[in-house]
Amino acid sequence: MIEPVVLPDVQQSEDLRGIELWKVGVKKFEIPIQLTQKDGNKQTVHAFATMSVGLSKSRKGVHMSRFVLQLSEWSRSRVFELDLRPFLQEAMERLDAQSAHVELDFRYFIEKKAPVTGLSAPMAYGCKFDASITGNGIEEDYRFVLSVAVPIGNLCPCSKEISDYGAHNQRAFIRAQALLDSTPNAPVVWIEDLVSGLEEAASCPVYPFLKRPDEKHVTETQYENPKFVEDVIRDATLVLRDFPGIRGFSLEVEAFESIHDHNAWAAHRENFHG
């Protein structure tokens, strides 16, 4: 019988420099994860995970494999919800840490109907879960930020006003970081609702699929609803101020200009830090 070899655990050895580290972990680990859609069905997405814990000043390192092991186990058997406290608490236990952090970047698909014909196709939105926890029990500090990037269509009010005919339009993005209310019984913030709310701030939404009647509708809607990036970000601010379950937010609007070799851009934040 072969005796097991006992290998030295270097990570557990003592460090004498007296420097506590904020985050130590793995970055851009690719993994499939399951999410719950607003309709109750599950969606599997391809995520890039960044996961870390705080490292005490006395310990040399962390066991990196434990991050990958936990992510893999949850990928196979658990659903990643907006409340990631159980996941982060488990990470602190596995790595004997006082803080934990996870970021999950992914593309989330929403079935979207064309505005006139009603024909639908899935449309992808860039999303991110950013959750952190410090301490435990009654001293626990939990923070969750939901980010979405929503493509929109815009038409320039100045161009429409000064031109004898036509106006230049552009595809743009509203990028929002929403700090969620993590108190008990707080409203659930569904990605689907956040996307549709932000689309209301645009000249017109964009669609994955358009037939000619749909294209006519989109073009005319943009023309009748011109907006600068300043208008979009102010209207998006009004949406998020009254959005149930959101405590604070950061917004960015970027328009990919059709007549300039640069982009128009605006940013705003309220009750949001980090």
Protein backbone atom coordinates (compact mmCIF):
# COMPACT_ATOMS: atom_id res chain seq x y z
CA MET A 1 0.00 0.00 0.00
CA ILE A 2 1.35 3.38 -1.04
CA GLU A 3 1.47 5.88 1.78
CA PRO A 4 -0.02 9.29 0.90
CA VAL A 5 2.55 12.02 0.50
CA VAL A 6 2.07 15.00 2.80
CA LEU A 7 2.86 18.14 0.82
CA PRO A 8 3.73 21.47 2.42
CA ASP A 9 0.90 24.04 2.48
CA VAL A 10 2.82 27.19 1.57
CA GLN A 11 -0.29 29.39 1.37
CA GLN A 12 -0.97 28.76 5.07
CA SER A 13 2.50 29.87 6.09
CA GLU A 14 3.00 33.13 7.96
CA ASP A 15 3.82 36.41 6.24
CA LEU A 16 5.84 38.92 8.25
CA ARG A 17 5.37 42.09 6.18
CA GLY A 18 2.18 43.11 8.02
CA ILE A 19 0.14 44.03 4.93
CA GLU A 20 -3.52 43.06 4.72
CA LEU A 21 -4.75 42.59 1.13
CA TRP A 22 -8.14 43.87 -0.06
CA LYS A 23 -8.78 41.23 -2.74
CA VAL A 24 -6.98 38.06 -3.79
CA GLY A 25 -8.49 35.50 -6.16
CA VAL A 26 -9.13 34.44 -9.73
CA LYS A 27 -10.14 36.53 -12.71
CA LYS A 28 -11.90 35.77 -16.02
CA PHE A 29 -12.75 32.17 -15.15
CA GLU A 30 -15.20 31.03 -17.84
CA ILE A 31 -18.20 29.07 -16.63
CA PRO A 32 -21.85 28.40 -17.52
CA ILE A 33 -24.29 29.60 -14.90
CA GLN A 34 -28.05 29.37 -14.52
CA LEU A 35 -30.23 32.43 -13.91
CA THR A 36 -33.93 32.77 -13.18
CA GLN A 37 -35.87 34.76 -15.76
CA LYS A 38 -38.82 36.99 -14.86
CA ASP A 39 -41.20 34.37 -16.30
CA GLY A 40 -39.82 31.76 -13.88
CA ASN A 41 -37.89 29.79 -16.49
CA LYS A 42 -34.16 29.22 -16.19
CA GLN A 43 -31.58 30.58 -18.63
CA THR A 44 -28.04 29.26 -18.95
CA VAL A 45 -25.49 31.95 -19.80
CA HIS A 46 -21.77 31.95 -20.49
CA ALA A 47 -20.14 34.00 -17.73
CA PHE A 48 -16.69 35.34 -16.96
CA ALA A 49 -16.22 35.13 -13.21
CA THR A 50 -13.93 37.18 -10.99
CA MET A 51 -13.88 35.94 -7.41
CA SER A 52 -11.81 37.01 -4.44
CA VAL A 53 -11.51 37.25 -0.66
CA GLY A 54 -9.64 39.55 1.64
CA LEU A 55 -6.32 38.19 2.90
CA SER A 56 -5.16 38.78 6.47
CA LYS A 57 -1.75 40.33 7.02
CA SER A 58 -0.44 37.20 8.71
CA ARG A 59 -1.22 34.73 5.91
CA LYS A 60 1.00 34.30 2.86
CA GLY A 61 -1.68 33.34 0.32
CA VAL A 62 -5.08 31.81 -0.46
CA HIS A 63 -5.97 28.44 -1.96
CA MET A 64 -6.93 29.52 -5.50
CA SER A 65 -8.38 26.12 -6.37
CA ARG A 66 -11.17 26.63 -3.84
CA PHE A 67 -12.61 29.49 -5.90
CA VAL A 68 -12.80 27.32 -9.00
CA LEU A 69 -14.22 24.40 -7.02
CA GLN A 70 -17.03 26.50 -5.53
CA LEU A 71 -17.92 28.12 -8.86
CA SER A 72 -17.98 24.70 -10.53
CA GLU A 73 -20.21 23.19 -7.85
CA TRP A 74 -22.69 26.05 -8.03
CA SER A 75 -22.64 25.92 -11.84
CA ARG A 76 -23.75 22.29 -11.76
CA SER A 77 -26.36 22.42 -9.00
CA ARG A 78 -27.40 25.97 -8.07
CA VAL A 79 -29.05 29.02 -9.59
CA PHE A 80 -27.31 32.39 -9.27
CA GLU A 81 -29.93 34.78 -7.89
CA LEU A 82 -29.69 38.51 -7.20
CA ASP A 83 -29.11 37.66 -3.54
CA LEU A 84 -25.63 36.15 -3.57
CA ARG A 85 -25.11 36.30 0.19
CA PRO A 86 -25.17 32.47 0.53
CA PHE A 87 -22.52 32.16 -2.17
CA LEU A 88 -20.25 34.77 -0.58
CA GLN A 89 -20.75 33.41 2.94
CA GLU A 90 -19.72 29.99 1.68
CA ALA A 91 -16.62 31.50 0.08
CA MET A 92 -15.60 33.11 3.38
CA GLU A 93 -16.04 29.80 5.18
CA ARG A 94 -14.04 27.84 2.59
CA LEU A 95 -11.18 30.31 2.62
CA ASP A 96 -11.35 31.39 6.27
CA ALA A 97 -11.75 35.04 5.26
CA GLN A 98 -13.62 38.09 6.59
CA SER A 99 -14.72 39.41 3.18
CA ALA A 100 -15.61 38.00 -0.22
CA HIS A 101 -16.40 39.42 -3.65
CA VAL A 102 -17.71 38.03 -6.92
CA GLU A 103 -18.29 39.53 -10.37
CA LEU A 104 -20.16 37.68 -13.10
CA ASP A 105 -20.08 39.18 -16.61
CA PHE A 106 -22.49 37.62 -19.10
CA ARG A 107 -24.83 38.17 -22.04
CA TYR A 108 -28.49 37.80 -21.11
CA PHE A 109 -31.10 37.01 -23.76
CA ILE A 110 -34.58 38.55 -23.83
CA GLU A 111 -37.18 37.55 -26.42
CA LYS A 112 -38.20 40.78 -28.15
CA LYS A 113 -41.11 41.41 -30.52
CA ALA A 114 -40.93 43.72 -33.52
CA PRO A 115 -43.17 46.78 -32.93
CA VAL A 116 -45.66 46.26 -35.81
CA THR A 117 -45.51 42.67 -37.09
CA GLY A 118 -45.00 41.19 -33.63
CA LEU A 119 -42.39 38.76 -34.95
CA SER A 120 -39.81 38.01 -32.29
CA ALA A 121 -36.19 37.00 -31.87
CA PRO A 122 -33.83 36.82 -28.89
CA MET A 123 -31.80 39.95 -28.17
CA ALA A 124 -28.63 39.89 -26.06
CA TYR A 125 -27.83 42.45 -23.37
CA GLY A 126 -24.50 42.80 -21.62
CA CYS A 127 -25.04 42.30 -17.87
CA LYS A 128 -22.98 42.03 -14.74
CA PHE A 129 -23.56 40.91 -11.15
CA ASP A 130 -21.15 42.56 -8.70
CA ALA A 131 -21.63 41.38 -5.11
CA SER A 132 -19.50 41.75 -2.00
CA ILE A 133 -19.80 40.95 1.68
CA THR A 134 -17.74 41.91 4.71
CA GLY A 135 -17.99 40.46 8.21
CA ASN A 136 -20.63 38.04 9.38
CA GLY A 137 -23.77 37.86 11.49
CA ILE A 138 -25.20 41.18 12.67
CA GLU A 139 -22.01 42.99 11.57
CA GLU A 140 -22.44 41.81 7.97
CA ASP A 141 -22.21 44.43 5.19
CA TYR A 142 -23.64 43.23 1.86
CA ARG A 143 -23.68 45.11 -1.45
CA PHE A 144 -25.07 44.06 -4.83
CA VAL A 145 -24.79 46.05 -8.07
CA LEU A 146 -26.66 44.97 -11.21
CA SER A 147 -25.25 46.40 -14.44
CA VAL A 148 -26.90 46.38 -17.88
CA ALA A 149 -25.91 47.80 -21.27
CA VAL A 150 -29.01 48.65 -23.32
CA PRO A 151 -28.68 49.50 -27.05
CA ILE A 152 -31.03 52.26 -28.18
CA GLY A 153 -31.75 54.47 -31.20
CA ASN A 154 -31.44 58.25 -31.03
CA LEU A 155 -32.14 61.17 -33.37
CA CYS A 156 -30.44 64.55 -33.02
CA PRO A 157 -32.84 67.42 -32.18
CA CYS A 158 -30.42 70.03 -33.57
CA SER A 159 -30.07 68.20 -36.90
CA LYS A 160 -33.85 67.94 -37.22
CA GLU A 161 -34.34 71.62 -36.37
CA ILE A 162 -31.80 73.07 -38.81
CA SER A 163 -32.24 70.69 -41.77
CA ASP A 164 -34.73 71.22 -44.60
CA TYR A 165 -35.30 67.48 -44.68
CA GLY A 166 -34.11 64.49 -42.69
CA ALA A 167 -32.03 64.36 -39.51
CA HIS A 168 -29.04 62.32 -38.50
CA ASN A 169 -29.61 59.44 -36.10
CA GLN A 170 -27.32 57.06 -34.32
CA ARG A 171 -27.24 53.86 -32.37
CA ALA A 172 -26.38 54.47 -28.74
CA PHE A 173 -26.01 52.64 -25.44
CA ILE A 174 -27.39 53.31 -22.00
CA ARG A 175 -25.12 51.68 -19.44
CA ALA A 176 -26.54 51.50 -15.94
CA GLN A 177 -25.16 50.29 -12.63
CA ALA A 178 -27.98 49.84 -10.15
CA LEU A 179 -27.25 49.49 -6.43
CA LEU A 180 -29.99 47.17 -5.22
CA ASP A 181 -31.91 47.37 -1.98
CA SER A 182 -30.72 44.32 -0.02
CA THR A 183 -33.06 44.70 2.96
CA PRO A 184 -35.51 41.86 3.71
CA ASN A 185 -38.61 41.78 1.46
CA ALA A 186 -37.17 44.41 -0.93
CA PRO A 187 -38.70 44.30 -4.45
CA VAL A 188 -36.94 42.03 -6.96
CA VAL A 189 -35.26 43.95 -9.78
CA TRP A 190 -35.66 41.85 -12.93
CA ILE A 191 -33.24 42.43 -15.80
CA GLU A 192 -36.23 42.46 -18.17
CA ASP A 193 -37.89 45.35 -16.31
CA LEU A 194 -34.67 47.34 -16.00
CA VAL A 195 -34.04 47.03 -19.74
CA SER A 196 -37.57 48.06 -20.74
CA GLY A 197 -37.51 50.98 -18.31
CA LEU A 198 -34.26 52.35 -19.72
CA GLU A 199 -35.49 51.91 -23.28
CA GLU A 200 -38.25 54.40 -22.48
CA ALA A 201 -35.57 57.09 -22.19
CA ALA A 202 -34.48 56.67 -25.83
CA SER A 203 -35.80 58.15 -29.05
CA CYS A 204 -36.72 54.56 -29.87
CA PRO A 205 -35.67 51.05 -28.82
CA VAL A 206 -33.68 48.89 -31.20
CA TYR A 207 -34.74 45.39 -32.22
CA PRO A 208 -33.08 42.14 -33.30
CA PHE A 209 -35.59 41.61 -36.12
CA LEU A 210 -37.50 44.08 -38.35
CA LYS A 211 -39.70 43.70 -41.41
CA ARG A 212 -40.46 46.73 -43.59
CA PRO A 213 -43.54 47.86 -41.57
CA ASP A 214 -41.43 47.61 -38.40
CA GLU A 215 -38.57 49.57 -39.95
CA LYS A 216 -40.99 52.32 -41.02
CA HIS A 217 -42.34 52.49 -37.48
CA VAL A 218 -38.87 52.68 -35.90
CA THR A 219 -37.65 55.36 -38.32
CA GLU A 220 -40.71 57.54 -37.83
CA THR A 221 -40.73 57.06 -34.05
CA GLN A 222 -37.13 58.26 -33.83
CA TYR A 223 -37.92 61.28 -36.02
CA GLU A 224 -40.89 62.29 -33.87
CA ASN A 225 -38.94 61.82 -30.62
CA PRO A 226 -35.53 63.51 -31.05
CA LYS A 227 -33.15 63.46 -28.07
CA PHE A 228 -29.63 64.54 -27.22
CA VAL A 229 -27.55 62.26 -24.98
CA GLU A 230 -28.29 64.86 -22.28
CA ASP A 231 -32.03 64.23 -22.75
CA VAL A 232 -31.59 60.47 -22.62
CA ILE A 233 -29.57 60.45 -19.42
CA ARG A 234 -31.98 62.83 -17.68
CA ASP A 235 -34.98 60.71 -18.68
CA ALA A 236 -33.13 57.56 -17.61
CA THR A 237 -32.42 59.24 -14.26
CA LEU A 238 -36.13 59.82 -13.75
CA VAL A 239 -36.78 56.14 -14.50
CA LEU A 240 -34.22 54.86 -11.97
CA ARG A 241 -35.13 57.34 -9.24
CA ASP A 242 -38.57 55.77 -8.96
CA PHE A 243 -37.55 52.18 -9.74
CA PRO A 244 -38.63 49.81 -6.93
CA GLY A 245 -35.70 47.96 -5.36
CA ILE A 246 -32.96 50.40 -6.48
CA ARG A 247 -31.15 52.47 -3.81
CA GLY A 248 -28.70 54.31 -6.05
CA PHE A 249 -27.32 54.24 -9.57
CA SER A 250 -24.67 55.30 -12.03
CA LEU A 251 -25.59 56.05 -15.65
CA GLU A 252 -23.68 56.54 -18.88
CA VAL A 253 -25.04 57.27 -22.36
CA GLU A 254 -22.79 56.99 -25.41
CA ALA A 255 -23.99 57.73 -28.94
CA PHE A 256 -22.00 56.36 -31.89
CA GLU A 257 -22.28 59.43 -34.09
CA SER A 258 -23.17 59.05 -37.77
CA ILE A 259 -21.72 62.41 -38.95
CA HIS A 260 -18.76 62.85 -36.58
CA ASP A 261 -15.56 60.90 -36.02
CA HIS A 262 -16.21 60.88 -32.28
CA ASN A 263 -18.98 59.85 -29.91
CA ALA A 264 -21.35 61.98 -27.87
CA TRP A 265 -21.32 61.03 -24.19
CA ALA A 266 -22.93 61.89 -20.85
CA ALA A 267 -22.69 60.44 -17.33
CA HIS A 268 -24.57 60.87 -14.04
CA ARG A 269 -24.83 59.14 -10.68
CA GLU A 270 -26.99 59.39 -7.57
CA ASN A 271 -26.43 57.71 -4.18
CA PHE A 272 -23.82 55.48 -5.76
CA HIS A 273 -20.21 54.93 -4.75
CA GLY A 274 -17.71 52.46 -6.17
